[in-house]
Amino acid sequence: MGETHRIVYWIQRLSEIALIGWLTLLLLLDVMVVLTRPDNPVVWLGPVCGAIGVLAVLLRRTHRISGYATLLVASFVTTLIIGSSHVSGLPSFAETGSLLILTIAGLRWIEPISRAAMFSIASVVVLESAAGRLREDTPSLAVGFLVFVGWSIAAGVGAYLRFQLERRKEAVNSVRRAERLELARELHDLVAHHITGIVVQAQAAKIVAEHKPEAVVPALDAIAGAGADALTSMRRLVSVLRAQDGAARSPGSTLMDMRTLVERFSAGGPQVAFDIGQGINDETMAPEVLTTLHRVLQEALTNVRRHAPGTGWVEADLRLGGPPNGPSAGPSPGPPRREQHQGTHWVWLRVRNYGSATDAKISRLGGGFGLVGMSERVEALGGRLTAGHTYTGAWEVVAGFPVSLGGA
């Protein structure tokens, strides 16, 4: 975990502690107010309701709806009991604060948005009802007005946070859709490339059969191999749609294209050391995997130029290795293990940049929208992509794909 992630983590923890501490102080204030009126035990329902509110806020991440609903019911029932007992009393401070906090959290997180709005409306009804615990009209109206102002502020904050959340989701989904369409178009082109080869070989086999029948069997074997490659690429098209655009079509990228990309980047920016390990060539990987690796390298280098323009140098390498040793737990703390595993091989692309701090906003979000799209593309092909700080402080992007090697 990088320094930025640790800072954000501790800020969140300290904010949570401060919030619970603030509500606890309000609860103690409720208890002190009740102790000044020992004549009627019914007034203790206020602090009890406040304690339920503090617990609901504490558990709001895991019991968001149930905790919110429990506090609403408890608060309304408390108002009814106090009202029927003809006892005058202030609404519990902890209870009111908890309802306002849960209003913000509910509007931000509860799905769907209509349910969140219903909880928010129920919250203002319960808060205004609690203001009626005061028997006198003038103080009750004043408290009710102040409560409504507090609720309006809480609802505004919650609605704004929900708007930001929905905008972020829409941006991520838009990038993913675009990446799926682009991936589908490229895979379609690869399949078309294979099928064109099949048609050409079939026509050639027909001509050869008339003059040299013994050469037909090897031609049929070549056709069968090309068909198998086409079917493999077609299976990868599950759940993606092909873009109907006029973009240029080509059978895919090559290792030479990756080297050319690195050379062009180095000419106008930080120097890049790009190393291709032994045993890797254009035939090692499926065309769609090689094309995706090219796109990942392009995106990683683009992010270096965009978000870390003062970086000292960049390292990139493409090597064979073993499969990842388990699911990723957050931003990449380093490349997955790369031992050989009894014939199971993965090809790993790693891009690191040194000498410049990455934009804190990008680090906090776990990468830009380009990395979101790259992750969607990589996972659609059965691979894995991680991005984050290493223990040395460098920013690293790692992408891996399973490959089949001859004789493995």
Protein backbone atom coordinates (compact mmCIF):
# COMPACT_ATOMS: atom_id res chain seq x y z
CA MET A 1 0.00 0.00 0.00
CA GLY A 2 1.47 3.33 -1.05
CA GLU A 3 1.81 6.41 1.12
CA THR A 4 -1.27 8.05 -0.38
CA HIS A 5 -3.41 5.01 0.36
CA ARG A 6 -2.22 4.93 3.97
CA ILE A 7 -3.04 8.62 4.41
CA VAL A 8 -6.52 8.19 2.95
CA TYR A 9 -7.08 5.09 5.12
CA TRP A 10 -6.19 6.88 8.34
CA ILE A 11 -8.19 9.97 7.43
CA GLN A 12 -11.25 7.77 6.97
CA ARG A 13 -10.65 5.96 10.28
CA LEU A 14 -10.10 9.20 12.22
CA SER A 15 -13.21 10.74 10.66
CA GLU A 16 -15.25 7.74 11.75
CA ILE A 17 -13.88 7.95 15.30
CA ALA A 18 -14.62 11.68 15.45
CA LEU A 19 -18.18 11.12 14.21
CA ILE A 20 -18.94 8.43 16.78
CA GLY A 21 -17.27 10.52 19.49
CA TRP A 22 -19.45 13.51 18.62
CA LEU A 23 -22.63 11.42 18.80
CA THR A 24 -21.51 9.91 22.11
CA LEU A 25 -21.06 13.39 23.58
CA LEU A 26 -24.58 14.28 22.43
CA LEU A 27 -25.85 11.10 24.08
CA LEU A 28 -24.15 12.07 27.35
CA LEU A 29 -25.81 15.48 27.07
CA ASP A 30 -29.18 13.74 26.69
CA VAL A 31 -28.52 11.75 29.84
CA MET A 32 -27.59 14.89 31.78
CA VAL A 33 -30.82 16.59 30.67
CA VAL A 34 -32.89 13.59 31.76
CA LEU A 35 -31.16 13.46 35.15
CA THR A 36 -32.51 16.91 35.90
CA ARG A 37 -36.04 15.50 35.59
CA PRO A 38 -36.26 12.34 37.69
CA ASP A 39 -40.03 12.71 38.11
CA ASN A 40 -41.05 10.64 35.07
CA PRO A 41 -39.18 7.56 33.76
CA VAL A 42 -40.77 7.95 30.30
CA VAL A 43 -38.24 10.69 29.43
CA TRP A 44 -35.50 8.03 29.46
CA LEU A 45 -36.85 6.80 26.13
CA GLY A 46 -35.07 9.76 24.51
CA PRO A 47 -31.54 8.67 25.52
CA VAL A 48 -32.44 5.06 24.70
CA CYS A 49 -33.46 6.16 21.21
CA GLY A 50 -30.22 8.16 20.98
CA ALA A 51 -28.20 5.05 21.88
CA ILE A 52 -30.00 3.14 19.11
CA GLY A 53 -29.07 5.96 16.73
CA VAL A 54 -25.39 5.84 17.67
CA LEU A 55 -25.38 2.08 17.10
CA ALA A 56 -27.16 2.48 13.74
CA VAL A 57 -24.54 5.02 12.60
CA LEU A 58 -21.74 2.75 13.77
CA LEU A 59 -23.18 -0.17 11.74
CA ARG A 60 -24.40 1.89 8.77
CA ARG A 61 -21.95 0.28 6.32
CA THR A 62 -23.05 -3.31 7.02
CA HIS A 63 -26.68 -2.79 8.14
CA ARG A 64 -27.56 0.32 6.18
CA ILE A 65 -31.30 -0.20 5.66
CA SER A 66 -32.10 -2.24 8.78
CA GLY A 67 -30.33 0.20 11.11
CA TYR A 68 -31.97 3.21 9.47
CA ALA A 69 -35.44 1.62 9.64
CA THR A 70 -34.96 0.54 13.27
CA LEU A 71 -34.07 4.08 14.35
CA LEU A 72 -37.03 5.56 12.45
CA VAL A 73 -39.47 3.16 14.10
CA ALA A 74 -37.92 3.59 17.56
CA SER A 75 -38.01 7.39 17.28
CA PHE A 76 -41.62 7.50 16.13
CA VAL A 77 -42.77 5.06 18.81
CA THR A 78 -40.92 7.12 21.44
CA THR A 79 -42.75 10.25 20.26
CA LEU A 80 -46.10 8.46 20.51
CA ILE A 81 -45.38 7.16 24.01
CA ILE A 82 -44.15 10.53 25.30
CA GLY A 83 -47.14 12.27 23.72
CA SER A 84 -49.64 9.87 25.26
CA SER A 85 -47.99 10.32 28.67
CA HIS A 86 -48.55 14.12 28.51
CA VAL A 87 -44.86 14.69 29.26
CA SER A 88 -42.95 17.59 27.71
CA GLY A 89 -39.37 17.07 26.59
CA LEU A 90 -36.78 17.96 24.00
CA PRO A 91 -35.99 15.53 21.15
CA SER A 92 -32.86 13.55 21.91
CA PHE A 93 -29.77 15.30 20.54
CA ALA A 94 -28.05 11.99 19.68
CA GLU A 95 -31.25 10.72 18.07
CA THR A 96 -31.59 13.84 15.90
CA GLY A 97 -27.89 13.81 14.91
CA SER A 98 -28.01 10.12 14.03
CA LEU A 99 -31.10 10.59 11.83
CA LEU A 100 -29.42 13.44 9.96
CA ILE A 101 -26.24 11.39 9.38
CA LEU A 102 -28.25 8.38 8.23
CA THR A 103 -30.21 10.65 5.88
CA ILE A 104 -26.95 11.65 4.20
CA ALA A 105 -25.73 8.03 4.03
CA GLY A 106 -29.10 6.75 2.81
CA LEU A 107 -29.41 9.25 -0.01
CA ARG A 108 -25.86 8.43 -1.07
CA TRP A 109 -25.86 4.63 -0.94
CA ILE A 110 -29.35 3.08 -0.75
CA GLU A 111 -30.50 1.47 -3.99
CA PRO A 112 -32.67 2.20 -5.87
CA ILE A 113 -32.85 5.97 -5.60
CA SER A 114 -36.64 5.83 -5.04
CA ARG A 115 -36.12 3.81 -1.85
CA ALA A 116 -33.49 6.29 -0.67
CA ALA A 117 -35.95 9.16 -1.26
CA MET A 118 -38.67 7.32 0.73
CA PHE A 119 -36.33 6.87 3.69
CA SER A 120 -35.37 10.55 3.49
CA ILE A 121 -39.03 11.63 3.56
CA ALA A 122 -39.73 9.27 6.46
CA SER A 123 -36.78 10.83 8.27
CA VAL A 124 -38.15 14.39 8.06
CA VAL A 125 -41.58 13.20 9.19
CA VAL A 126 -40.09 11.45 12.22
CA LEU A 127 -37.86 14.44 13.05
CA GLU A 128 -40.77 16.90 12.89
CA SER A 129 -42.89 14.53 14.99
CA ALA A 130 -40.12 14.40 17.60
CA ALA A 131 -40.14 18.21 17.72
CA GLY A 132 -43.75 17.93 18.85
CA ARG A 133 -42.65 16.30 22.12
CA LEU A 134 -42.49 19.85 23.47
CA ARG A 135 -45.97 20.61 24.80
CA GLU A 136 -45.65 24.38 24.32
CA ASP A 137 -46.52 25.65 20.84
CA THR A 138 -43.88 28.36 20.37
CA PRO A 139 -40.80 26.29 21.41
CA SER A 140 -42.15 23.35 19.42
CA LEU A 141 -42.43 25.44 16.26
CA ALA A 142 -38.93 26.85 16.75
CA VAL A 143 -37.40 23.42 17.28
CA GLY A 144 -39.35 22.08 14.31
CA PHE A 145 -37.99 24.85 12.10
CA LEU A 146 -34.41 24.23 13.21
CA VAL A 147 -34.83 20.49 12.66
CA PHE A 148 -36.19 21.11 9.15
CA VAL A 149 -33.23 23.35 8.31
CA GLY A 150 -30.84 20.63 9.53
CA TRP A 151 -32.67 17.98 7.52
CA SER A 152 -32.61 20.18 4.39
CA ILE A 153 -28.84 20.58 4.68
CA ALA A 154 -28.38 16.83 5.23
CA ALA A 155 -30.63 15.99 2.27
CA GLY A 156 -28.73 18.45 0.07
CA VAL A 157 -25.37 16.94 1.02
CA GLY A 158 -26.66 13.39 0.48
CA ALA A 159 -28.18 14.29 -2.89
CA TYR A 160 -24.93 15.93 -4.03
CA LEU A 161 -22.88 12.88 -3.01
CA ARG A 162 -25.36 10.63 -4.82
CA PHE A 163 -25.06 12.79 -7.94
CA GLN A 164 -21.27 12.46 -7.85
CA LEU A 165 -21.55 8.70 -7.31
CA GLU A 166 -23.97 8.25 -10.22
CA ARG A 167 -21.80 10.41 -12.47
CA ARG A 168 -18.77 8.31 -11.59
CA LYS A 169 -20.70 5.09 -12.30
CA GLU A 170 -21.92 6.40 -15.63
CA ALA A 171 -18.42 7.45 -16.64
CA VAL A 172 -17.02 4.03 -15.72
CA ASN A 173 -19.84 2.21 -17.54
CA SER A 174 -19.37 4.40 -20.59
CA VAL A 175 -15.66 3.57 -20.72
CA ARG A 176 -16.40 -0.13 -20.29
CA ARG A 177 -19.00 -0.12 -23.06
CA ALA A 178 -16.64 1.68 -25.41
CA GLU A 179 -13.82 -0.73 -24.57
CA ARG A 180 -16.07 -3.75 -25.13
CA LEU A 181 -17.15 -2.43 -28.50
CA GLU A 182 -13.57 -1.71 -29.52
CA LEU A 183 -12.46 -5.14 -28.34
CA ALA A 184 -15.30 -6.84 -30.20
CA ARG A 185 -14.41 -4.96 -33.39
CA GLU A 186 -10.78 -6.03 -33.18
CA LEU A 187 -11.69 -9.63 -32.42
CA HIS A 188 -14.11 -9.60 -35.33
CA ASP A 189 -11.28 -8.42 -37.56
CA LEU A 190 -9.07 -11.25 -36.32
CA VAL A 191 -11.74 -13.84 -37.08
CA ALA A 192 -12.28 -12.31 -40.51
CA HIS A 193 -8.54 -12.60 -41.07
CA HIS A 194 -8.62 -16.34 -40.24
CA ILE A 195 -11.70 -17.01 -42.36
CA THR A 196 -10.13 -15.22 -45.33
CA GLY A 197 -7.18 -17.59 -45.01
CA ILE A 198 -9.52 -20.58 -44.88
CA VAL A 199 -11.29 -19.50 -48.06
CA VAL A 200 -8.01 -18.94 -49.89
CA GLN A 201 -6.61 -22.33 -48.80
CA ALA A 202 -9.86 -24.08 -49.75
CA GLN A 203 -9.75 -22.57 -53.22
CA ALA A 204 -6.10 -23.53 -53.56
CA ALA A 205 -6.86 -27.10 -52.41
CA LYS A 206 -9.57 -27.39 -55.07
CA ILE A 207 -7.12 -26.38 -57.79
CA VAL A 208 -4.35 -28.64 -56.45
CA ALA A 209 -6.71 -31.63 -56.23
CA GLU A 210 -7.08 -31.64 -59.99
CA HIS A 211 -3.34 -31.99 -60.65
CA LYS A 212 -1.78 -33.30 -57.40
CA PRO A 213 -4.28 -35.20 -55.22
CA GLU A 214 -1.66 -36.21 -52.61
CA ALA A 215 -1.23 -32.53 -51.65
CA VAL A 216 -4.87 -32.18 -50.64
CA VAL A 217 -4.47 -33.72 -47.14
CA PRO A 218 -1.87 -31.16 -45.91
CA ALA A 219 -4.05 -28.40 -47.32
CA LEU A 220 -7.05 -29.76 -45.41
CA ASP A 221 -4.94 -29.89 -42.22
CA ALA A 222 -4.02 -26.24 -42.69
CA ILE A 223 -7.69 -25.36 -43.23
CA ALA A 224 -8.65 -27.25 -40.07
CA GLY A 225 -5.97 -25.42 -38.06
CA ALA A 226 -7.12 -22.03 -39.33
CA GLY A 227 -10.72 -22.94 -38.47
CA ALA A 228 -9.72 -23.91 -34.94
CA ASP A 229 -7.95 -20.58 -34.47
CA ALA A 230 -11.04 -18.75 -35.74
CA LEU A 231 -13.30 -20.65 -33.33
CA THR A 232 -10.99 -19.82 -30.43
CA SER A 233 -11.24 -16.14 -31.22
CA MET A 234 -15.02 -16.38 -31.66
CA ARG A 235 -15.45 -17.90 -28.19
CA ARG A 236 -13.83 -14.78 -26.75
CA LEU A 237 -16.62 -12.66 -28.24
CA VAL A 238 -19.14 -13.75 -25.60
CA SER A 239 -20.91 -10.76 -23.98
CA VAL A 240 -19.36 -8.14 -26.24
CA LEU A 241 -20.87 -6.34 -29.24
CA ARG A 242 -19.11 -5.28 -32.39
CA ALA A 243 -18.93 -1.55 -33.14
CA GLN A 244 -20.45 -0.61 -36.50
CA ASP A 245 -17.94 2.07 -37.45
CA GLY A 246 -15.61 2.79 -40.32
CA ALA A 247 -12.38 2.38 -38.39
CA ALA A 248 -9.43 0.88 -40.17
CA ARG A 249 -9.27 -2.89 -39.92
CA SER A 250 -6.14 -4.97 -39.44
CA PRO A 251 -5.42 -8.52 -38.20
CA GLY A 252 -3.76 -7.23 -34.97
CA SER A 253 -0.59 -5.85 -33.42
CA THR A 254 2.88 -7.37 -33.31
CA LEU A 255 5.87 -7.16 -30.99
CA MET A 256 7.44 -4.81 -33.50
CA ASP A 257 4.48 -2.48 -33.03
CA MET A 258 5.14 -2.47 -29.29
CA ARG A 259 8.80 -1.63 -29.85
CA THR A 260 7.83 1.16 -32.24
CA LEU A 261 5.40 2.54 -29.65
CA VAL A 262 8.15 2.60 -27.01
CA GLU A 263 10.62 4.30 -29.38
CA ARG A 264 8.12 7.03 -30.26
CA PHE A 265 7.33 7.62 -26.59
CA SER A 266 11.02 7.83 -25.66
CA ALA A 267 11.63 10.35 -28.42
CA GLY A 268 9.19 12.84 -26.88
CA GLY A 269 9.22 11.98 -23.19
CA PRO A 270 11.01 9.98 -20.49
CA GLN A 271 13.31 7.20 -21.67
CA VAL A 272 11.73 3.74 -21.66
CA ALA A 273 13.71 0.53 -21.20
CA PHE A 274 11.65 -2.19 -22.91
CA ASP A 275 12.77 -5.80 -22.60
CA ILE A 276 11.14 -8.85 -24.19
CA GLY A 277 12.02 -12.10 -22.43
CA GLN A 278 13.16 -15.35 -23.96
CA GLY A 279 10.57 -17.59 -25.54
CA ILE A 280 8.25 -14.76 -26.59
CA ASN A 281 7.48 -14.02 -30.21
CA ASP A 282 4.43 -13.17 -32.29
CA GLU A 283 3.39 -16.83 -32.35
CA THR A 284 3.56 -17.23 -28.56
CA MET A 285 0.28 -15.38 -27.98
CA ALA A 286 -3.11 -15.30 -29.65
CA PRO A 287 -3.46 -12.23 -31.91
CA GLU A 288 -6.16 -10.69 -29.72
CA VAL A 289 -3.94 -11.07 -26.63
CA LEU A 290 -1.01 -9.41 -28.38
CA THR A 291 -3.26 -6.57 -29.54
CA THR A 292 -4.55 -6.07 -25.98
CA LEU A 293 -1.02 -6.04 -24.56
CA HIS A 294 -0.17 -3.33 -27.07
CA ARG A 295 -3.17 -1.29 -25.88
CA VAL A 296 -2.23 -1.76 -22.21
CA LEU A 297 1.33 -0.61 -22.91
CA GLN A 298 -0.03 2.39 -24.81
CA GLU A 299 -2.42 3.31 -21.97
CA ALA A 300 0.27 2.91 -19.31
CA LEU A 301 2.72 5.15 -21.19
CA THR A 302 -0.01 7.69 -21.88
CA ASN A 303 -0.80 7.84 -18.15
CA VAL A 304 2.88 8.43 -17.37
CA ARG A 305 2.96 11.42 -19.70
CA ARG A 306 -0.39 12.73 -18.49
CA HIS A 307 -0.17 12.21 -14.72
CA ALA A 308 3.57 12.01 -14.03
CA PRO A 309 5.24 14.31 -16.57
CA GLY A 310 8.32 14.74 -14.38
CA THR A 311 9.09 11.05 -14.09
CA GLY A 312 12.76 10.11 -14.36
CA TRP A 313 12.53 6.92 -16.40
CA VAL A 314 10.18 4.06 -17.27
CA GLU A 315 10.80 0.31 -17.20
CA ALA A 316 8.70 -2.09 -19.29
CA ASP A 317 9.17 -5.81 -19.76
CA LEU A 318 7.27 -8.67 -21.34
CA ARG A 319 8.06 -12.12 -19.95
CA LEU A 320 6.75 -15.63 -19.56
CA GLY A 321 5.90 -16.83 -16.06
CA GLY A 322 3.48 -18.75 -13.93
CA PRO A 323 -0.15 -17.91 -13.12
CA PRO A 324 -1.08 -15.39 -10.42
CA ASN A 325 -0.98 -16.82 -6.91
CA GLY A 326 -4.44 -15.65 -5.92
CA PRO A 327 -6.94 -12.80 -6.27
CA SER A 328 -5.64 -9.29 -6.07
CA ALA A 329 -6.22 -7.51 -2.76
CA GLY A 330 -6.36 -3.86 -3.75
CA PRO A 331 -3.84 -1.94 -5.82
CA SER A 332 -0.92 -3.96 -6.99
CA PRO A 333 1.71 -4.28 -4.26
CA GLY A 334 4.01 -5.84 -6.83
CA PRO A 335 3.87 -8.24 -9.75
CA PRO A 336 2.19 -11.60 -9.14
CA ARG A 337 4.38 -14.59 -8.60
CA ARG A 338 5.88 -15.98 -11.76
CA GLU A 339 7.04 -19.48 -11.00
CA GLN A 340 6.49 -22.24 -13.53
CA HIS A 341 3.47 -24.41 -12.78
CA GLN A 342 3.60 -27.78 -14.51
CA GLY A 343 2.96 -26.59 -18.05
CA THR A 344 0.70 -23.65 -17.15
CA HIS A 345 2.19 -20.42 -18.51
CA TRP A 346 1.20 -16.78 -18.40
CA VAL A 347 2.71 -13.87 -20.27
CA TRP A 348 3.21 -10.78 -18.08
CA LEU A 349 3.59 -7.17 -19.15
CA ARG A 350 4.90 -4.83 -16.44
CA VAL A 351 5.30 -1.05 -16.78
CA ARG A 352 6.91 0.99 -13.97
CA ASN A 353 7.72 4.68 -13.76
CA TYR A 354 10.12 6.22 -11.24
CA GLY A 355 11.16 9.63 -10.05
CA SER A 356 7.81 11.44 -9.95
CA ALA A 357 4.81 11.31 -7.65
CA THR A 358 1.64 10.12 -9.31
CA ASP A 359 -1.39 12.43 -9.20
CA ALA A 360 -3.08 11.86 -5.82
CA LYS A 361 -6.54 11.85 -7.42
CA ILE A 362 -5.56 9.04 -9.76
CA SER A 363 -3.97 7.05 -6.92
CA ARG A 364 -7.03 7.43 -4.73
CA LEU A 365 -9.35 6.19 -7.45
CA GLY A 366 -7.09 3.25 -8.30
CA GLY A 367 -6.27 4.61 -11.76
CA GLY A 368 -7.94 6.70 -14.43
CA PHE A 369 -10.90 5.70 -16.58
CA GLY A 370 -8.44 4.41 -19.21
CA LEU A 371 -7.29 1.73 -16.76
CA VAL A 372 -10.92 0.84 -16.07
CA GLY A 373 -11.40 0.18 -19.77
CA MET A 374 -8.12 -1.75 -19.99
CA SER A 375 -9.17 -3.92 -17.05
CA GLU A 376 -12.47 -4.70 -18.78
CA ARG A 377 -10.62 -5.64 -21.97
CA VAL A 378 -8.04 -7.81 -20.17
CA GLU A 379 -10.64 -9.66 -18.07
CA ALA A 380 -12.77 -10.32 -21.17
CA LEU A 381 -9.82 -12.31 -22.54
CA GLY A 382 -9.31 -14.29 -19.32
CA GLY A 383 -6.41 -12.19 -18.03
CA ARG A 384 -5.73 -9.92 -15.08
CA LEU A 385 -4.69 -6.28 -14.72
CA THR A 386 -3.55 -4.47 -11.57
CA ALA A 387 -2.25 -0.95 -11.03
CA GLY A 388 -0.84 0.80 -7.97
CA HIS A 389 2.23 1.73 -5.97
CA THR A 390 5.02 -0.74 -5.26
CA TYR A 391 6.84 -0.92 -1.95
CA THR A 392 9.62 1.18 -3.49
CA GLY A 393 7.19 4.00 -4.31
CA ALA A 394 7.07 3.47 -8.08
CA TRP A 395 3.77 3.35 -9.95
CA GLU A 396 3.28 -0.01 -11.65
CA VAL A 397 0.82 -1.48 -14.14
CA VAL A 398 0.85 -5.28 -14.54
CA ALA A 399 -1.18 -7.24 -17.11
CA GLY A 400 -1.11 -11.01 -17.51
CA PHE A 401 -2.69 -13.56 -19.88
CA PRO A 402 -2.65 -17.36 -19.98
CA VAL A 403 -0.86 -18.75 -23.02
CA SER A 404 -0.42 -22.21 -24.50
CA LEU A 405 3.14 -23.13 -25.43
CA GLY A 406 4.03 -25.92 -27.76
CA GLY A 407 5.21 -28.98 -25.85
CA ALA A 408 4.07 -27.64 -22.49
